[in-house]
C-alpha atoms as a PDB file:
ATOM      1  CA  MET A   1     178.466-105.206  69.897  1.00  0.00           C
ATOM      2  CA  GLY A   2     179.413-107.543  66.821  1.00  0.00           C
ATOM      3  CA  ARG A   3     181.061-106.610  63.377  1.00  0.00           C
ATOM      4  CA  PRO A   4     177.976-105.081  61.160  1.00  0.00           C
ATOM      5  CA  ALA A   5     176.923-107.634  58.632  1.00  0.00           C
ATOM      6  CA  VAL A   6     177.698-106.336  54.908  1.00  0.00           C
ATOM      7  CA  PHE A   7     177.260-107.246  51.441  1.00  0.00           C
ATOM      8  CA  PRO A   8     180.089-109.156  49.602  1.00  0.00           C
ATOM      9  CA  ASN A   9     179.716-108.042  46.353  1.00  0.00           C
ATOM     10  CA  SER A  10     179.012-104.251  46.429  1.00  0.00           C
ATOM     11  CA  PRO A  11     179.413-102.838  42.862  1.00  0.00           C
ATOM     12  CA  ASN A  12     182.601-101.337  44.354  1.00  0.00           C
ATOM     13  CA  GLY A  13     184.058-103.956  45.718  1.00  0.00           C
ATOM     14  CA  CYS A  14     184.378-103.054  48.876  1.00  0.00           C
ATOM     15  CA  LEU A  15     182.310-104.470  51.992  1.00  0.00           C
ATOM     16  CA  VAL A  16     179.766-102.592  52.662  1.00  0.00           C
ATOM     17  CA  PRO A  17     178.080-102.116  56.268  1.00  0.00           C
ATOM     18  CA  LEU A  18     173.986-103.641  56.103  1.00  0.00           C
ATOM     19  CA  MET A  19     172.638-101.397  57.847  1.00  0.00           C
ATOM     20  CA  ARG A  20     169.579-102.990  59.824  1.00  0.00           C
ATOM     21  CA  ALA A  21     166.579-101.165  59.996  1.00  0.00           C
ATOM     22  CA  ARG A  22     162.567-102.366  60.151  1.00  0.00           C
ATOM     23  CA  ILE A  23     160.624-100.310  57.644  1.00  0.00           C
ATOM     24  CA  ASP A  24     156.772 -99.448  58.722  1.00  0.00           C
ATOM     25  CA  CYS A  25     154.328 -99.116  55.848  1.00  0.00           C
ATOM     26  CA  LYS A  26     152.203 -96.386  56.271  1.00  0.00           C
ATOM     27  CA  ALA A  27     148.387 -96.475  55.389  1.00  0.00           C
ATOM     28  CA  GLY A  28     147.901 -95.325  51.829  1.00  0.00           C
ATOM     29  CA  THR A  29     151.547 -96.546  50.822  1.00  0.00           C
ATOM     30  CA  SER A  30     150.251-100.086  49.037  1.00  0.00           C
ATOM     31  CA  ARG A  31     146.005-100.337  49.702  1.00  0.00           C
ATOM     32  CA  GLU A  32     143.430-101.270  47.832  1.00  0.00           C
ATOM     33  CA  ILE A  33     140.520 -99.407  46.658  1.00  0.00           C
ATOM     34  CA  THR A  34     138.176-100.637  50.142  1.00  0.00           C
ATOM     35  CA  ASN A  35     135.847 -97.159  50.459  1.00  0.00           C
ATOM     36  CA  MET A  36     133.921 -97.940  47.275  1.00  0.00           C
ATOM     37  CA  SER A  37     132.448 -94.162  47.047  1.00  0.00           C
ATOM     38  CA  GLU A  38     136.007 -93.704  45.440  1.00  0.00           C
ATOM     39  CA  VAL A  39     134.410 -94.931  42.568  1.00  0.00           C
ATOM     40  CA  SER A  40     132.487 -92.635  40.660  1.00  0.00           C
ATOM     41  CA  LYS A  41     131.566 -95.021  37.888  1.00  0.00           C
ATOM     42  CA  VAL A  42     131.102 -99.017  37.105  1.00  0.00           C
ATOM     43  CA  VAL A  43     134.522-100.207  36.114  1.00  0.00           C
ATOM     44  CA  VAL A  44     134.784-104.127  35.363  1.00  0.00           C
ATOM     45  CA  GLY A  45     138.398-105.872  34.976  1.00  0.00           C
ATOM     46  CA  ILE A  46     138.848-109.206  33.096  1.00  0.00           C
ATOM     47  CA  ASP A  47     141.724-110.849  32.626  1.00  0.00           C
ATOM     48  CA  VAL A  48     141.844-112.919  29.355  1.00  0.00           C
ATOM     49  CA  SER A  49     143.117-116.263  28.908  1.00  0.00           C
ATOM     50  CA  LYS A  50     142.832-118.565  26.287  1.00  0.00           C
ATOM     51  CA  ALA A  51     139.960-120.896  27.889  1.00  0.00           C
ATOM     52  CA  ARG A  52     138.919-118.540  30.695  1.00  0.00           C
ATOM     53  CA  LEU A  53     137.806-114.757  31.688  1.00  0.00           C
ATOM     54  CA  ASP A  54     137.812-113.668  35.035  1.00  0.00           C
ATOM     55  CA  CYS A  55     136.179-110.532  35.732  1.00  0.00           C
ATOM     56  CA  HIS A  56     136.165-107.974  38.465  1.00  0.00           C
ATOM     57  CA  ALA A  57     133.529-104.878  38.900  1.00  0.00           C
ATOM     58  CA  LEU A  58     133.527-102.099  41.397  1.00  0.00           C
ATOM     59  CA  PRO A  59     132.022-100.478  42.937  1.00  0.00           C
ATOM     60  CA  SER A  60     130.189-103.799  43.465  1.00  0.00           C
ATOM     61  CA  ALA A  61     133.235-105.740  43.821  1.00  0.00           C
ATOM     62  CA  GLN A  62     131.076-108.455  42.304  1.00  0.00           C
ATOM     63  CA  SER A  63     132.997-111.221  40.545  1.00  0.00           C
ATOM     64  CA  PHE A  64     132.274-113.248  37.774  1.00  0.00           C
ATOM     65  CA  ALA A  65     134.033-116.182  35.452  1.00  0.00           C
ATOM     66  CA  THR A  66     133.433-117.960  32.246  1.00  0.00           C
ATOM     67  CA  ASP A  67     134.991-119.593  29.600  1.00  0.00           C
ATOM     68  CA  ASN A  68     136.188-118.047  26.878  1.00  0.00           C
ATOM     69  CA  SER A  69     134.139-119.111  24.157  1.00  0.00           C
ATOM     70  CA  GLN A  70     130.838-117.891  22.775  1.00  0.00           C
ATOM     71  CA  ALA A  71     128.190-119.226  25.028  1.00  0.00           C
ATOM     72  CA  GLY A  72     130.803-117.320  27.883  1.00  0.00           C
ATOM     73  CA  ILE A  73     130.946-114.221  26.100  1.00  0.00           C
ATOM     74  CA  GLU A  74     126.878-114.342  25.999  1.00  0.00           C
ATOM     75  CA  ALA A  75     127.010-114.916  29.696  1.00  0.00           C
ATOM     76  CA  LEU A  76     129.026-112.439  29.893  1.00  0.00           C
ATOM     77  CA  SER A  77     127.492-109.652  28.250  1.00  0.00           C
ATOM     78  CA  GLN A  78     124.364-110.611  30.029  1.00  0.00           C
ATOM     79  CA  TRP A  79     126.483-110.074  33.431  1.00  0.00           C
ATOM     80  CA  LEU A  80     127.869-106.418  32.025  1.00  0.00           C
ATOM     81  CA  LYS A  81     124.171-105.492  31.506  1.00  0.00           C
ATOM     82  CA  GLN A  82     122.530-105.969  34.680  1.00  0.00           C
ATOM     83  CA  LEU A  83     125.681-104.284  36.229  1.00  0.00           C
ATOM     84  CA  HIS A  84     125.163-101.394  33.832  1.00  0.00           C
ATOM     85  CA  ALA A  85     129.308-100.979  32.884  1.00  0.00           C
ATOM     86  CA  GLU A  86     130.158 -97.778  31.771  1.00  0.00           C
ATOM     87  CA  LEU A  87     134.138 -99.480  31.456  1.00  0.00           C
ATOM     88  CA  VAL A  88     135.096-102.599  30.499  1.00  0.00           C
ATOM     89  CA  ILE A  89     138.655-103.064  30.569  1.00  0.00           C
ATOM     90  CA  MET A  90     141.236-105.905  29.510  1.00  0.00           C
ATOM     91  CA  GLU A  91     144.803-106.338  28.694  1.00  0.00           C
ATOM     92  CA  ALA A  92     145.383-107.141  25.323  1.00  0.00           C
ATOM     93  CA  THR A  93     147.104-111.086  24.883  1.00  0.00           C
ATOM     94  CA  GLY A  94     147.914-112.071  21.800  1.00  0.00           C
ATOM     95  CA  GLY A  95     144.294-112.185  20.325  1.00  0.00           C
ATOM     96  CA  TYR A  96     142.736-113.636  22.537  1.00  0.00           C
ATOM     97  CA  GLU A  97     140.955-110.787  24.254  1.00  0.00           C
ATOM     98  CA  THR A  98     139.747-109.938  20.459  1.00  0.00           C
ATOM     99  CA  ARG A  99     136.616-111.861  20.732  1.00  0.00           C
ATOM    100  CA  ALA A 100     135.701-110.951  23.997  1.00  0.00           C
ATOM    101  CA  ALA A 101     136.583-107.133  23.401  1.00  0.00           C
ATOM    102  CA  THR A 102     134.611-106.529  19.774  1.00  0.00           C
ATOM    103  CA  ALA A 103     131.866-108.214  21.264  1.00  0.00           C
ATOM    104  CA  THR A 104     131.297-106.068  23.788  1.00  0.00           C
ATOM    105  CA  ALA A 105     132.163-103.035  22.145  1.00  0.00           C
ATOM    106  CA  ALA A 106     129.330-104.441  20.021  1.00  0.00           C
ATOM    107  CA  LEU A 107     126.788-103.724  22.712  1.00  0.00           C
ATOM    108  CA  GLY A 108     127.528-100.606  23.242  1.00  0.00           C
ATOM    109  CA  PHE A 109     130.021-100.590  26.041  1.00  0.00           C
ATOM    110  CA  ARG A 110     133.394 -98.651  26.693  1.00  0.00           C
ATOM    111  CA  VAL A 111     135.914-101.002  25.774  1.00  0.00           C
ATOM    112  CA  ALA A 112     139.608 -99.916  26.901  1.00  0.00           C
ATOM    113  CA  VAL A 113     142.466-102.731  25.782  1.00  0.00           C
ATOM    114  CA  VAL A 114     145.393-101.713  27.706  1.00  0.00           C
ATOM    115  CA  ASN A 115     149.606-102.668  27.690  1.00  0.00           C
ATOM    116  CA  PRO A 116     149.879-105.499  30.272  1.00  0.00           C
ATOM    117  CA  ARG A 117     153.451-103.955  31.055  1.00  0.00           C
ATOM    118  CA  GLN A 118     151.116-101.082  32.638  1.00  0.00           C
ATOM    119  CA  VAL A 119     148.938-102.204  34.740  1.00  0.00           C
ATOM    120  CA  ARG A 120     151.677-104.735  36.468  1.00  0.00           C
ATOM    121  CA  HIS A 121     153.724-101.438  37.039  1.00  0.00           C
ATOM    122  CA  TYR A 122     150.856 -99.993  38.588  1.00  0.00           C
ATOM    123  CA  ALA A 123     150.553-103.634  40.636  1.00  0.00           C
ATOM    124  CA  LYS A 124     154.027-103.082  41.611  1.00  0.00           C
ATOM    125  CA  ALA A 125     153.494 -99.316  42.821  1.00  0.00           C
ATOM    126  CA  LEU A 126     150.785-100.559  45.171  1.00  0.00           C
ATOM    127  CA  ASN A 127     153.317-103.346  46.458  1.00  0.00           C
ATOM    128  CA  ARG A 128     150.526-105.824  45.073  1.00  0.00           C
ATOM    129  CA  LEU A 129     153.321-108.613  43.983  1.00  0.00           C
ATOM    130  CA  ALA A 130     150.972-111.507  44.095  1.00  0.00           C
ATOM    131  CA  LYS A 131     149.138-112.736  40.703  1.00  0.00           C
ATOM    132  CA  THR A 132     146.126-115.024  40.054  1.00  0.00           C
ATOM    133  CA  ASP A 133     143.861-114.535  37.497  1.00  0.00           C
ATOM    134  CA  ARG A 134     141.152-113.221  39.967  1.00  0.00           C
ATOM    135  CA  ILE A 135     143.506-110.846  41.377  1.00  0.00           C
ATOM    136  CA  ASP A 136     144.324-109.792  38.295  1.00  0.00           C
ATOM    137  CA  ALA A 137     140.814-108.509  37.075  1.00  0.00           C
ATOM    138  CA  LYS A 138     141.094-106.886  40.158  1.00  0.00           C
ATOM    139  CA  ILE A 139     143.491-104.750  39.602  1.00  0.00           C
ATOM    140  CA  LEU A 140     142.406-103.990  36.136  1.00  0.00           C
ATOM    141  CA  ALA A 141     138.742-102.880  37.386  1.00  0.00           C
ATOM    142  CA  GLU A 142     140.980-100.690  39.931  1.00  0.00           C
ATOM    143  CA  PHE A 143     143.692 -99.552  37.178  1.00  0.00           C
ATOM    144  CA  GLY A 144     140.412 -98.533  34.849  1.00  0.00           C
ATOM    145  CA  ALA A 145     138.855 -97.050  37.980  1.00  0.00           C
ATOM    146  CA  ARG A 146     141.560 -94.486  39.031  1.00  0.00           C
ATOM    147  CA  VAL A 147     143.546 -94.545  35.586  1.00  0.00           C
ATOM    148  CA  ASP A 148     142.370 -92.459  32.993  1.00  0.00           C
ATOM    149  CA  VAL A 149     142.632 -95.058  30.324  1.00  0.00           C
ATOM    150  CA  GLN A 150     142.036 -93.972  26.715  1.00  0.00           C
ATOM    151  CA  VAL A 151     139.275 -95.773  24.503  1.00  0.00           C
ATOM    152  CA  ARG A 152     140.329 -96.510  20.931  1.00  0.00           C
ATOM    153  CA  ALA A 153     137.361 -97.416  18.595  1.00  0.00           C
ATOM    154  CA  LEU A 154     138.732-101.565  17.632  1.00  0.00           C
ATOM    155  CA  PRO A 155     138.751-102.108  14.270  1.00  0.00           C
ATOM    156  CA  ASP A 156     136.047-103.742  12.543  1.00  0.00           C
ATOM    157  CA  GLU A 157     136.346-107.576  11.204  1.00  0.00           C
ATOM    158  CA  GLU A 158     137.823-106.843   7.740  1.00  0.00           C
ATOM    159  CA  THR A 159     140.382-104.511   9.034  1.00  0.00           C
ATOM    160  CA  ARG A 160     141.338-107.545  11.925  1.00  0.00           C
ATOM    161  CA  GLU A 161     141.463-109.769   8.745  1.00  0.00           C
ATOM    162  CA  LEU A 162     143.991-107.489   6.964  1.00  0.00           C
ATOM    163  CA  ALA A 163     146.335-106.890  10.180  1.00  0.00           C
ATOM    164  CA  GLU A 164     146.547-110.564  10.498  1.00  0.00           C
ATOM    165  CA  LEU A 165     147.299-111.279   6.741  1.00  0.00           C
ATOM    166  CA  VAL A 166     150.349-108.339   7.563  1.00  0.00           C
ATOM    167  CA  SER A 167     151.367-109.701  10.684  1.00  0.00           C
ATOM    168  CA  ARG A 168     151.418-113.512   8.935  1.00  0.00           C
ATOM    169  CA  ARG A 169     153.438-112.343   6.324  1.00  0.00           C
ATOM    170  CA  THR A 170     155.781-110.591   8.586  1.00  0.00           C
ATOM    171  CA  GLN A 171     156.273-114.366  10.887  1.00  0.00           C
ATOM    172  CA  LEU A 172     157.014-116.180   7.447  1.00  0.00           C
ATOM    173  CA  VAL A 173     159.425-113.244   6.301  1.00  0.00           C
ATOM    174  CA  ASN A 174     161.634-113.709   9.608  1.00  0.00           C
ATOM    175  CA  MET A 175     161.016-117.201   9.721  1.00  0.00           C
ATOM    176  CA  ARG A 176     162.826-116.973   5.994  1.00  0.00           C
ATOM    177  CA  THR A 177     165.647-114.602   7.278  1.00  0.00           C
ATOM    178  CA  GLN A 178     166.532-117.553   9.631  1.00  0.00           C
ATOM    179  CA  GLU A 179     166.804-120.175   7.613  1.00  0.00           C
ATOM    180  CA  LYS A 180     168.141-118.395   5.446  1.00  0.00           C
ATOM    181  CA  ASN A 181     171.026-117.375   8.084  1.00  0.00           C
ATOM    182  CA  ARG A 182     171.780-121.222   9.127  1.00  0.00           C
ATOM    183  CA  LEU A 183     172.007-122.099   5.610  1.00  0.00           C
ATOM    184  CA  ALA A 184     175.869-120.985   5.612  1.00  0.00           C
ATOM    185  CA  GLY A 185     176.722-123.394   8.134  1.00  0.00           C
ATOM    186  CA  ALA A 186     174.756-126.631   7.351  1.00  0.00           C
ATOM    187  CA  ALA A 187     175.756-129.573   5.255  1.00  0.00           C
ATOM    188  CA  GLY A 188     174.441-132.492   3.270  1.00  0.00           C
ATOM    189  CA  LYS A 189     171.131-133.064   3.532  1.00  0.00           C
ATOM    190  CA  LEU A 190     170.633-130.205   6.118  1.00  0.00           C
ATOM    191  CA  ARG A 191     170.870-128.117   3.246  1.00  0.00           C
ATOM    192  CA  ASP A 192     168.816-129.772   1.061  1.00  0.00           C
ATOM    193  CA  GLY A 193     166.256-129.292   3.895  1.00  0.00           C
ATOM    194  CA  ILE A 194     166.764-125.780   4.264  1.00  0.00           C
ATOM    195  CA  LYS A 195     166.432-125.001   0.920  1.00  0.00           C
ATOM    196  CA  ALA A 196     163.255-126.525   0.111  1.00  0.00           C
ATOM    197  CA  HIS A 197     161.988-125.010   3.439  1.00  0.00           C
ATOM    198  CA  VAL A 198     162.801-121.291   2.272  1.00  0.00           C
ATOM    199  CA  LYS A 199     161.603-122.017  -1.130  1.00  0.00           C
ATOM    200  CA  TRP A 200     157.922-123.062   0.234  1.00  0.00           C
ATOM    201  CA  LEU A 201     158.513-119.883   2.378  1.00  0.00           C
ATOM    202  CA  ASP A 202     158.957-118.010  -0.665  1.00  0.00           C
ATOM    203  CA  GLU A 203     155.412-119.385  -2.240  1.00  0.00           C
ATOM    204  CA  GLN A 204     153.640-118.320   0.654  1.00  0.00           C
ATOM    205  CA  ILE A 205     155.014-115.000   0.972  1.00  0.00           C
ATOM    206  CA  HIS A 206     154.367-114.549  -2.332  1.00  0.00           C
ATOM    207  CA  SER A 207     150.426-116.015  -1.923  1.00  0.00           C
ATOM    208  CA  LEU A 208     150.033-113.427   0.530  1.00  0.00           C
ATOM    209  CA  ASP A 209     151.160-110.635  -1.188  1.00  0.00           C
ATOM    210  CA  ILE A 210     148.392-111.903  -3.992  1.00  0.00           C
ATOM    211  CA  ASP A 211     145.693-112.287  -1.138  1.00  0.00           C
ATOM    212  CA  LEU A 212     147.180-108.470   0.646  1.00  0.00           C
ATOM    213  CA  THR A 213     146.143-106.906  -2.833  1.00  0.00           C
ATOM    214  CA  ALA A 214     142.622-108.765  -3.499  1.00  0.00           C
ATOM    215  CA  LYS A 215     141.960-107.376   0.146  1.00  0.00           C
ATOM    216  CA  LEU A 216     143.051-103.832   0.038  1.00  0.00           C
ATOM    217  CA  ARG A 217     140.608-103.557  -3.646  1.00  0.00           C
ATOM    218  CA  SER A 218     137.629-105.479  -1.617  1.00  0.00           C
ATOM    219  CA  SER A 219     136.737-102.227  -0.426  1.00  0.00           C
ATOM    220  CA  GLN A 220     136.003 -98.657  -1.248  1.00  0.00           C
ATOM    221  CA  ALA A 221     137.541 -96.582   1.614  1.00  0.00           C
ATOM    222  CA  TRP A 222     140.704 -98.864   0.928  1.00  0.00           C
ATOM    223  CA  CYS A 223     140.959 -98.354  -2.245  1.00  0.00           C
ATOM    224  CA  GLU A 224     141.298 -94.618  -1.826  1.00  0.00           C
ATOM    225  CA  LYS A 225     143.352 -94.339   1.407  1.00  0.00           C
ATOM    226  CA  ARG A 226     145.733 -97.277  -0.471  1.00  0.00           C
ATOM    227  CA  ASP A 227     145.509 -94.483  -3.328  1.00  0.00           C
ATOM    228  CA  LEU A 228     146.130 -91.596  -1.294  1.00  0.00           C
ATOM    229  CA  LEU A 229     149.214 -93.477   0.356  1.00  0.00           C
ATOM    230  CA  HIS A 230     150.686 -94.764  -3.208  1.00  0.00           C
ATOM    231  CA  SER A 231     151.101 -91.324  -4.018  1.00  0.00           C
ATOM    232  CA  ALA A 232     153.799 -90.709  -1.489  1.00  0.00           C
ATOM    233  CA  PRO A 233     157.191 -91.260  -3.073  1.00  0.00           C
ATOM    234  CA  GLY A 234     158.902 -94.085  -0.795  1.00  0.00           C
ATOM    235  CA  ILE A 235     155.331 -95.704   0.333  1.00  0.00           C
ATOM    236  CA  GLY A 236     154.798 -99.098  -1.870  1.00  0.00           C
ATOM    237  CA  PRO A 237     151.879-101.441  -2.041  1.00  0.00           C
ATOM    238  CA  LEU A 238     153.152-103.710   1.068  1.00  0.00           C
ATOM    239  CA  SER A 239     154.201-100.409   3.410  1.00  0.00           C
ATOM    240  CA  THR A 240     150.299 -99.429   2.168  1.00  0.00           C
ATOM    241  CA  ALA A 241     148.782-102.791   2.968  1.00  0.00           C
ATOM    242  CA  MET A 242     151.062-102.336   6.678  1.00  0.00           C
ATOM    243  CA  LEU A 243     149.474 -98.806   7.241  1.00  0.00           C
ATOM    244  CA  VAL A 244     145.587 -99.631   6.689  1.00  0.00           C
ATOM    245  CA  GLY A 245     145.766-102.883   8.441  1.00  0.00           C
ATOM    246  CA  ARG A 246     148.028-102.339  11.171  1.00  0.00           C
ATOM    247  CA  VAL A 247     147.667 -98.531  11.637  1.00  0.00           C
ATOM    248  CA  PRO A 248     143.545 -97.867  11.946  1.00  0.00           C
ATOM    249  CA  GLU A 249     144.207 -94.784  13.630  1.00  0.00           C
ATOM    250  CA  LEU A 250     145.951 -93.061  10.746  1.00  0.00           C
ATOM    251  CA  GLY A 251     144.499 -89.695   9.907  1.00  0.00           C
ATOM    252  CA  LYS A 252     142.405 -89.622  12.742  1.00  0.00           C
ATOM    253  CA  LEU A 253     145.453 -88.410  15.423  1.00  0.00           C
ATOM    254  CA  ASP A 254     147.362 -85.775  15.542  1.00  0.00           C
ATOM    255  CA  ARG A 255     150.587 -85.472  14.770  1.00  0.00           C
ATOM    256  CA  LYS A 256     152.386 -86.190  18.505  1.00  0.00           C
ATOM    257  CA  ALA A 257     149.852 -89.219  19.041  1.00  0.00           C
ATOM    258  CA  ILE A 258     150.428 -90.566  15.807  1.00  0.00           C
ATOM    259  CA  ALA A 259     154.394 -90.594  16.574  1.00  0.00           C
ATOM    260  CA  ALA A 260     153.931 -91.851  19.932  1.00  0.00           C
ATOM    261  CA  LEU A 261     151.573 -94.723  18.727  1.00  0.00           C
ATOM    262  CA  VAL A 262     154.135 -95.826  16.158  1.00  0.00           C
ATOM    263  CA  GLY A 263     157.179 -95.373  18.971  1.00  0.00           C
ATOM    264  CA  VAL A 264     159.378 -93.246  16.802  1.00  0.00           C
ATOM    265  CA  ALA A 265     158.754 -89.671  19.161  1.00  0.00           C
ATOM    266  CA  PRO A 266     161.648 -88.496  20.849  1.00  0.00           C
ATOM    267  CA  LEU A 267     161.290 -88.722  24.830  1.00  0.00           C
ATOM    268  CA  ASN A 268     163.620 -87.073  27.391  1.00  0.00           C
ATOM    269  CA  ASP A 269     166.278 -88.836  29.338  1.00  0.00           C
ATOM    270  CA  ASP A 270     166.895 -85.884  32.017  1.00  0.00           C
ATOM    271  CA  SER A 271     168.041 -85.682  35.638  1.00  0.00           C
ATOM    272  CA  GLY A 272     168.898 -82.661  37.593  1.00  0.00           C
ATOM    273  CA  LYS A 273     172.036 -80.883  35.781  1.00  0.00           C
ATOM    274  CA  ARG A 274     172.629 -84.057  33.411  1.00  0.00           C
ATOM    275  CA  GLN A 275     170.902 -83.604  29.569  1.00  0.00           C
ATOM    276  CA  GLY A 276     170.769 -87.274  28.116  1.00  0.00           C
ATOM    277  CA  ARG A 277     170.395 -88.515  24.741  1.00  0.00           C
ATOM    278  CA  ARG A 278     166.807 -88.454  23.465  1.00  0.00           C
ATOM    279  CA  HIS A 279     165.518 -92.115  22.112  1.00  0.00           C
ATOM    280  CA  ILE A 280     162.398 -93.862  20.617  1.00  0.00           C
ATOM    281  CA  TRP A 281     160.822 -96.599  22.863  1.00  0.00           C
ATOM    282  CA  GLY A 282     157.802 -98.882  23.180  1.00  0.00           C
ATOM    283  CA  GLY A 283     155.210 -98.531  20.439  1.00  0.00           C
ATOM    284  CA  ARG A 284     154.452-100.702  17.398  1.00  0.00           C
ATOM    285  CA  GLY A 285     157.651-102.319  16.191  1.00  0.00           C
ATOM    286  CA  ASP A 286     156.412-103.973  13.045  1.00  0.00           C
ATOM    287  CA  VAL A 287     154.729-100.361  11.709  1.00  0.00           C
ATOM    288  CA  ARG A 288     157.917 -98.854  12.956  1.00  0.00           C
ATOM    289  CA  SER A 289     160.459-101.554  11.349  1.00  0.00           C
ATOM    290  CA  MET A 290     158.237-101.078   8.022  1.00  0.00           C
ATOM    291  CA  LEU A 291     158.821 -97.020   8.331  1.00  0.00           C
ATOM    292  CA  TYR A 292     162.191 -97.178   8.647  1.00  0.00           C
ATOM    293  CA  MET A 293     162.655 -99.442   4.806  1.00  0.00           C
ATOM    294  CA  ALA A 294     160.284 -96.841   3.282  1.00  0.00           C
ATOM    295  CA  THR A 295     162.101 -93.847   4.615  1.00  0.00           C
ATOM    296  CA  LEU A 296     165.624 -95.556   3.418  1.00  0.00           C
ATOM    297  CA  SER A 297     163.596 -94.999  -0.133  1.00  0.00           C
ATOM    298  CA  ALA A 298     162.124 -91.856   0.287  1.00  0.00           C
ATOM    299  CA  LYS A 299     165.613 -90.280   1.567  1.00  0.00           C
ATOM    300  CA  ARG A 300     166.164 -91.160  -2.058  1.00  0.00           C
ATOM    301  CA  HIS A 301     163.168 -90.736  -4.138  1.00  0.00           C
ATOM    302  CA  ASN A 302     161.202 -88.274  -1.898  1.00  0.00           C
ATOM    303  CA  PRO A 303     162.677 -84.612  -2.111  1.00  0.00           C
ATOM    304  CA  VAL A 304     160.972 -83.460   0.663  1.00  0.00           C
ATOM    305  CA  ILE A 305     162.421 -86.577   2.966  1.00  0.00           C
ATOM    306  CA  ARG A 306     166.005 -86.225   0.972  1.00  0.00           C
ATOM    307  CA  GLU A 307     166.750 -82.114   1.513  1.00  0.00           C
ATOM    308  CA  PHE A 308     165.196 -83.130   5.368  1.00  0.00           C
ATOM    309  CA  TYR A 309     167.933 -85.809   5.499  1.00  0.00           C
ATOM    310  CA  GLU A 310     170.508 -84.345   3.848  1.00  0.00           C
ATOM    311  CA  ARG A 311     170.064 -80.642   6.341  1.00  0.00           C
ATOM    312  CA  LEU A 312     170.238 -83.194   9.315  1.00  0.00           C
ATOM    313  CA  ARG A 313     173.624 -84.419   8.101  1.00  0.00           C
ATOM    314  CA  ARG A 314     175.092 -81.477   6.898  1.00  0.00           C
ATOM    315  CA  ASN A 315     174.161 -80.055  10.475  1.00  0.00           C
ATOM    316  CA  GLY A 316     175.886 -83.674  12.302  1.00  0.00           C
ATOM    317  CA  LYS A 317     173.016 -85.578  13.035  1.00  0.00           C
ATOM    318  CA  GLN A 318     173.879 -89.425  13.383  1.00  0.00           C
ATOM    319  CA  PHE A 319     172.616 -91.448  10.677  1.00  0.00           C
ATOM    320  CA  LYS A 320     170.222 -92.680  13.209  1.00  0.00           C
ATOM    321  CA  VAL A 321     169.528 -89.818  14.239  1.00  0.00           C
ATOM    322  CA  ALA A 322     168.522 -88.532  10.975  1.00  0.00           C
ATOM    323  CA  MET A 323     166.619 -91.475  10.012  1.00  0.00           C
ATOM    324  CA  VAL A 324     164.357 -91.607  12.973  1.00  0.00           C
ATOM    325  CA  ALA A 325     164.062 -87.832  11.970  1.00  0.00           C
ATOM    326  CA  CYS A 326     162.740 -88.600   8.607  1.00  0.00           C
ATOM    327  CA  MET A 327     160.568 -91.732  10.173  1.00  0.00           C
ATOM    328  CA  ARG A 328     158.645 -89.088  12.000  1.00  0.00           C
ATOM    329  CA  LYS A 329     157.925 -86.515   9.199  1.00  0.00           C
ATOM    330  CA  LEU A 330     157.396 -89.092   6.131  1.00  0.00           C
ATOM    331  CA  LEU A 331     154.795 -90.423   9.103  1.00  0.00           C
ATOM    332  CA  THR A 332     153.345 -86.993   9.743  1.00  0.00           C
ATOM    333  CA  ILE A 333     152.632 -86.345   6.060  1.00  0.00           C
ATOM    334  CA  LEU A 334     151.139 -89.546   5.492  1.00  0.00           C
ATOM    335  CA  ASN A 335     149.274 -88.513   8.609  1.00  0.00           C
ATOM    336  CA  ALA A 336     148.149 -85.382   7.011  1.00  0.00           C
ATOM    337  CA  MET A 337     147.668 -86.922   3.904  1.00  0.00           C
ATOM    338  CA  VAL A 338     144.965 -89.130   5.355  1.00  0.00           C
ATOM    339  CA  LYS A 339     142.931 -86.734   7.576  1.00  0.00           C
ATOM    340  CA  ASN A 340     142.879 -84.354   4.777  1.00  0.00           C
ATOM    341  CA  ASN A 341     141.960 -86.878   2.002  1.00  0.00           C
ATOM    342  CA  THR A 342     144.573 -85.199  -0.196  1.00  0.00           C
ATOM    343  CA  LYS A 343     147.316 -87.029  -2.356  1.00  0.00           C
ATOM    344  CA  TRP A 344     151.081 -86.450  -1.634  1.00  0.00           C
ATOM    345  CA  ALA A 345     152.263 -82.938  -2.464  1.00  0.00           C
ATOM    346  CA  PRO A 346     155.472 -81.075  -1.747  1.00  0.00           C
ATOM    347  CA  SER A 347     153.706 -78.423   0.054  1.00  0.00           C
ATOM    348  CA  LEU A 348     151.676 -80.362   2.173  1.00  0.00           C
ATOM    349  CA  LYS A 349     150.879 -78.946   5.291  1.00  0.00           C
ATOM    350  CA  THR A 350     151.998 -81.375   8.606  1.00  0.00           C
ATOM    351  CA  GLY A 351     150.562 -79.574  11.320  1.00  0.00           C
END
């Protein structure tokens, strides 16, 4: 017999024999939904791109494609009515899905906008590695049929406009930080150009701050929520705008769900006898960044957060661990305030 094949680059630097084996795919390991009786409801998956909507319906296995335009969405709505769709599922695609999602939800369809990562992991788990728009629509339909997806109420037009203003301000602030970092290594005319750009960004950010304030005052409900949130020490006008625009679920979820939504819920990392460190991951990063800055202020000016932070530090918790715990506590306090329509008080219950 000849020498066994080896991997030349083993992680430990040794030559490792390559065991040759035949891997058989057993039936059911990586299968599509072929028995339509498995699907108990009419589910439509929609793959959204900038110019096109590719759709697939189960259990009928019908396909439909149209333009991502007003006329195309009207045609999609008629098709969904004919199917009597019970669930419409699509991925979040940076805003391209907004018009189709809101239009179909307005007609009374249950619409779920899901994280693309979850759908892709689902496809990989089934060894479905090919990717086209039509295939993605089919996988979305299967995902909706097999997974109990959470259907949340979509934000109305005013809330979306507020969220866009908040997102735009965040983009401009990030651009200004990048330009200021470049300024240190620039010389001559480059410095003048960067300074001019920074000045223009300052003006745009100031203009957006005015627009955000005016937007918050345009709705009585927002005015009430703004006053509630602003009563908490550490929460300023920009934090209030971020919470109102980017977290419309505030006050509608329990404390565990709202912490997971923002991404400040501790996640386990254990395996066997090993007990790993808890960490946070996922959620809405821009809201979490805002909450971090608000907590820096709250741990100095909010007596509840300050006492909680100091107790954690006395017990040996590291700075970031204590900060994340305070972020979570501040968020649950704000959630309880909105839920109970109560202004901040040191004795407020957060359960």
